[in-house]
Amino acid sequence: QVQLVESGGGLVQPGGSLRLSCAASGSIFSINTMGWYRQAPGKQREFVALCGTRVIPTYAGSVKGRFTCSRDNAKNTMYLQMNSLKPEDTAVYYCNRYGSFLPWGQGTQVTVSS
């Protein structure tokens, strides 16, 4: 069974940067479009970014221009570079296959606060 492991979260001040990683067991990245998602306290999980080998990265409007998704299929790893972070970016961040979800990982907490 494919396992997804997110890492790289932490506490950062507004305007700061973080780089999240998503590692997967098995070679799912090479055949699937992957996505980043997040869930803030009291809110539903939402789409953040789409990252595929045959599609142009796509971003939610709230993060466009600040977040960049990339992937290294050889390492079965996907990244989310987050710049100019805002308090409203505070959430648990998850990665998953886009459109047809695999079992969710534990996520990684991102807290943006001064």
C-alpha atoms as a PDB file:
ATOM      1  CA  GLN A   1       0.000   0.000   0.000  1.00  0.00           C
ATOM      2  CA  VAL A   2       1.306   3.428  -0.916  1.00  0.00           C
ATOM      3  CA  GLN A   3       2.254   5.611   2.022  1.00  0.00           C
ATOM      4  CA  LEU A   4       2.567   9.374   1.839  1.00  0.00           C
ATOM      5  CA  VAL A   5       4.811  11.194   4.298  1.00  0.00           C
ATOM      6  CA  GLU A   6       4.820  14.971   4.511  1.00  0.00           C
ATOM      7  CA  SER A   7       7.562  16.940   6.251  1.00  0.00           C
ATOM      8  CA  GLY A   8       9.153  20.360   6.476  1.00  0.00           C
ATOM      9  CA  GLY A   9       6.506  22.275   8.349  1.00  0.00           C
ATOM     10  CA  GLY A  10       7.150  24.529  11.304  1.00  0.00           C
ATOM     11  CA  LEU A  11       6.652  27.921  12.848  1.00  0.00           C
ATOM     12  CA  VAL A  12       7.574  30.889  10.685  1.00  0.00           C
ATOM     13  CA  GLN A  13       6.999  34.619  10.864  1.00  0.00           C
ATOM     14  CA  PRO A  14       4.805  36.392   8.317  1.00  0.00           C
ATOM     15  CA  GLY A  15       6.784  36.982   5.166  1.00  0.00           C
ATOM     16  CA  GLY A  16       8.968  33.962   5.773  1.00  0.00           C
ATOM     17  CA  SER A  17       9.487  30.815   3.728  1.00  0.00           C
ATOM     18  CA  LEU A  18       9.224  27.083   4.157  1.00  0.00           C
ATOM     19  CA  ARG A  19       9.805  24.132   1.891  1.00  0.00           C
ATOM     20  CA  LEU A  20       7.578  21.128   2.346  1.00  0.00           C
ATOM     21  CA  SER A  21       8.396  17.650   1.120  1.00  0.00           C
ATOM     22  CA  CYS A  22       6.149  14.755   0.248  1.00  0.00           C
ATOM     23  CA  ALA A  23       7.730  11.345   0.059  1.00  0.00           C
ATOM     24  CA  ALA A  24       5.911   8.298  -1.213  1.00  0.00           C
ATOM     25  CA  SER A  25       6.628   4.628  -1.110  1.00  0.00           C
ATOM     26  CA  GLY A  26       6.432   3.172  -4.553  1.00  0.00           C
ATOM     27  CA  SER A  27       6.811   4.950  -7.846  1.00  0.00           C
ATOM     28  CA  ILE A  28       3.478   6.732  -7.852  1.00  0.00           C
ATOM     29  CA  PHE A  29       4.822  10.103  -8.853  1.00  0.00           C
ATOM     30  CA  SER A  30       5.919   9.020 -12.287  1.00  0.00           C
ATOM     31  CA  ILE A  31       2.434   7.917 -13.291  1.00  0.00           C
ATOM     32  CA  ASN A  32       0.212  10.241 -11.361  1.00  0.00           C
ATOM     33  CA  THR A  33      -0.603  13.880 -11.028  1.00  0.00           C
ATOM     34  CA  MET A  34      -0.095  14.844  -7.425  1.00  0.00           C
ATOM     35  CA  GLY A  35      -1.538  17.632  -5.370  1.00  0.00           C
ATOM     36  CA  TRP A  36      -0.951  19.599  -2.224  1.00  0.00           C
ATOM     37  CA  TYR A  37      -3.856  20.258   0.110  1.00  0.00           C
ATOM     38  CA  ARG A  38      -4.272  21.962   3.457  1.00  0.00           C
ATOM     39  CA  GLN A  39      -6.700  22.041   6.324  1.00  0.00           C
ATOM     40  CA  ALA A  40      -6.925  24.960   8.702  1.00  0.00           C
ATOM     41  CA  PRO A  41      -8.512  24.611  12.149  1.00  0.00           C
ATOM     42  CA  GLY A  42     -12.287  24.464  11.853  1.00  0.00           C
ATOM     43  CA  LYS A  43     -12.212  24.415   8.068  1.00  0.00           C
ATOM     44  CA  GLN A  44     -12.497  21.821   5.370  1.00  0.00           C
ATOM     45  CA  ARG A  45      -9.471  20.515   3.558  1.00  0.00           C
ATOM     46  CA  GLU A  46      -8.767  22.603   0.469  1.00  0.00           C
ATOM     47  CA  PHE A  47      -6.736  22.344  -2.696  1.00  0.00           C
ATOM     48  CA  VAL A  48      -3.445  24.223  -2.778  1.00  0.00           C
ATOM     49  CA  ALA A  49      -1.447  23.086  -5.806  1.00  0.00           C
ATOM     50  CA  LEU A  50      -1.388  20.530  -8.585  1.00  0.00           C
ATOM     51  CA  CYS A  51       1.924  19.125  -9.763  1.00  0.00           C
ATOM     52  CA  GLY A  52       2.155  16.651 -12.622  1.00  0.00           C
ATOM     53  CA  THR A  53       4.613  15.475 -15.222  1.00  0.00           C
ATOM     54  CA  ARG A  54       2.308  16.291 -18.118  1.00  0.00           C
ATOM     55  CA  VAL A  55       0.449  19.283 -16.747  1.00  0.00           C
ATOM     56  CA  ILE A  56       1.456  22.808 -15.938  1.00  0.00           C
ATOM     57  CA  PRO A  57       1.511  23.367 -12.168  1.00  0.00           C
ATOM     58  CA  THR A  58      -1.737  24.903 -11.041  1.00  0.00           C
ATOM     59  CA  TYR A  59      -2.339  26.829  -7.850  1.00  0.00           C
ATOM     60  CA  ALA A  60      -5.212  28.013  -5.763  1.00  0.00           C
ATOM     61  CA  GLY A  61      -5.774  31.723  -6.132  1.00  0.00           C
ATOM     62  CA  SER A  62      -4.847  32.365  -2.531  1.00  0.00           C
ATOM     63  CA  VAL A  63      -1.298  31.027  -3.011  1.00  0.00           C
ATOM     64  CA  LYS A  64      -0.599  31.809  -6.664  1.00  0.00           C
ATOM     65  CA  GLY A  65       2.612  33.724  -7.072  1.00  0.00           C
ATOM     66  CA  ARG A  66       3.846  32.727  -3.617  1.00  0.00           C
ATOM     67  CA  PHE A  67       3.948  28.913  -3.711  1.00  0.00           C
ATOM     68  CA  THR A  68       5.818  26.726  -6.183  1.00  0.00           C
ATOM     69  CA  CYS A  69       5.304  23.002  -6.626  1.00  0.00           C
ATOM     70  CA  SER A  70       7.999  20.745  -8.017  1.00  0.00           C
ATOM     71  CA  ARG A  71       8.716  17.051  -8.108  1.00  0.00           C
ATOM     72  CA  ASP A  72      11.606  14.635  -8.413  1.00  0.00           C
ATOM     73  CA  ASN A  73      10.200  11.419  -9.816  1.00  0.00           C
ATOM     74  CA  ALA A  74      13.514   9.619  -9.396  1.00  0.00           C
ATOM     75  CA  LYS A  75      13.274  10.243  -5.654  1.00  0.00           C
ATOM     76  CA  ASN A  76       9.491   9.773  -5.450  1.00  0.00           C
ATOM     77  CA  THR A  77       9.360  13.150  -3.805  1.00  0.00           C
ATOM     78  CA  MET A  78       7.331  16.286  -4.357  1.00  0.00           C
ATOM     79  CA  TYR A  79       8.051  19.702  -2.907  1.00  0.00           C
ATOM     80  CA  LEU A  80       6.127  22.832  -2.108  1.00  0.00           C
ATOM     81  CA  GLN A  81       8.199  25.986  -1.812  1.00  0.00           C
ATOM     82  CA  MET A  82       6.189  28.532   0.142  1.00  0.00           C
ATOM     83  CA  ASN A  83       7.304  32.148   0.140  1.00  0.00           C
ATOM     84  CA  SER A  84       5.785  35.334   1.536  1.00  0.00           C
ATOM     85  CA  LEU A  85       3.825  33.308   4.029  1.00  0.00           C
ATOM     86  CA  LYS A  86       0.770  34.840   5.644  1.00  0.00           C
ATOM     87  CA  PRO A  87      -1.040  33.977   8.887  1.00  0.00           C
ATOM     88  CA  GLU A  88      -3.916  32.631   6.796  1.00  0.00           C
ATOM     89  CA  ASP A  89      -1.555  29.994   5.397  1.00  0.00           C
ATOM     90  CA  THR A  90      -1.547  28.350   8.817  1.00  0.00           C
ATOM     91  CA  ALA A  91      -2.814  24.806   8.360  1.00  0.00           C
ATOM     92  CA  VAL A  92      -1.841  21.168   8.225  1.00  0.00           C
ATOM     93  CA  TYR A  93      -0.508  20.473   4.749  1.00  0.00           C
ATOM     94  CA  TYR A  94      -1.016  17.179   2.961  1.00  0.00           C
ATOM     95  CA  CYS A  95      -0.047  15.667  -0.342  1.00  0.00           C
ATOM     96  CA  ASN A  96      -2.069  13.140  -2.295  1.00  0.00           C
ATOM     97  CA  ARG A  97      -2.835  11.872  -5.724  1.00  0.00           C
ATOM     98  CA  TYR A  98      -4.963  14.398  -7.542  1.00  0.00           C
ATOM     99  CA  GLY A  99      -8.543  13.375  -8.261  1.00  0.00           C
ATOM    100  CA  SER A 100      -8.452   9.874  -6.783  1.00  0.00           C
ATOM    101  CA  PHE A 101      -7.161  10.019  -3.265  1.00  0.00           C
ATOM    102  CA  LEU A 102      -4.864   7.519  -1.656  1.00  0.00           C
ATOM    103  CA  PRO A 103      -4.935   7.062   2.134  1.00  0.00           C
ATOM    104  CA  TRP A 104      -3.969  10.394   3.664  1.00  0.00           C
ATOM    105  CA  GLY A 105      -0.664  10.831   5.441  1.00  0.00           C
ATOM    106  CA  GLN A 106      -0.273  12.545   8.788  1.00  0.00           C
ATOM    107  CA  GLY A 107       0.388  15.931   7.222  1.00  0.00           C
ATOM    108  CA  THR A 108       2.834  18.573   8.356  1.00  0.00           C
ATOM    109  CA  GLN A 109       1.857  21.570  10.459  1.00  0.00           C
ATOM    110  CA  VAL A 110       2.631  25.036   9.134  1.00  0.00           C
ATOM    111  CA  THR A 111       2.119  27.920  11.544  1.00  0.00           C
ATOM    112  CA  VAL A 112       2.621  31.489  10.401  1.00  0.00           C
ATOM    113  CA  SER A 113       2.697  33.830  13.349  1.00  0.00           C
ATOM    114  CA  SER A 114       4.719  36.670  14.792  1.00  0.00           C
END
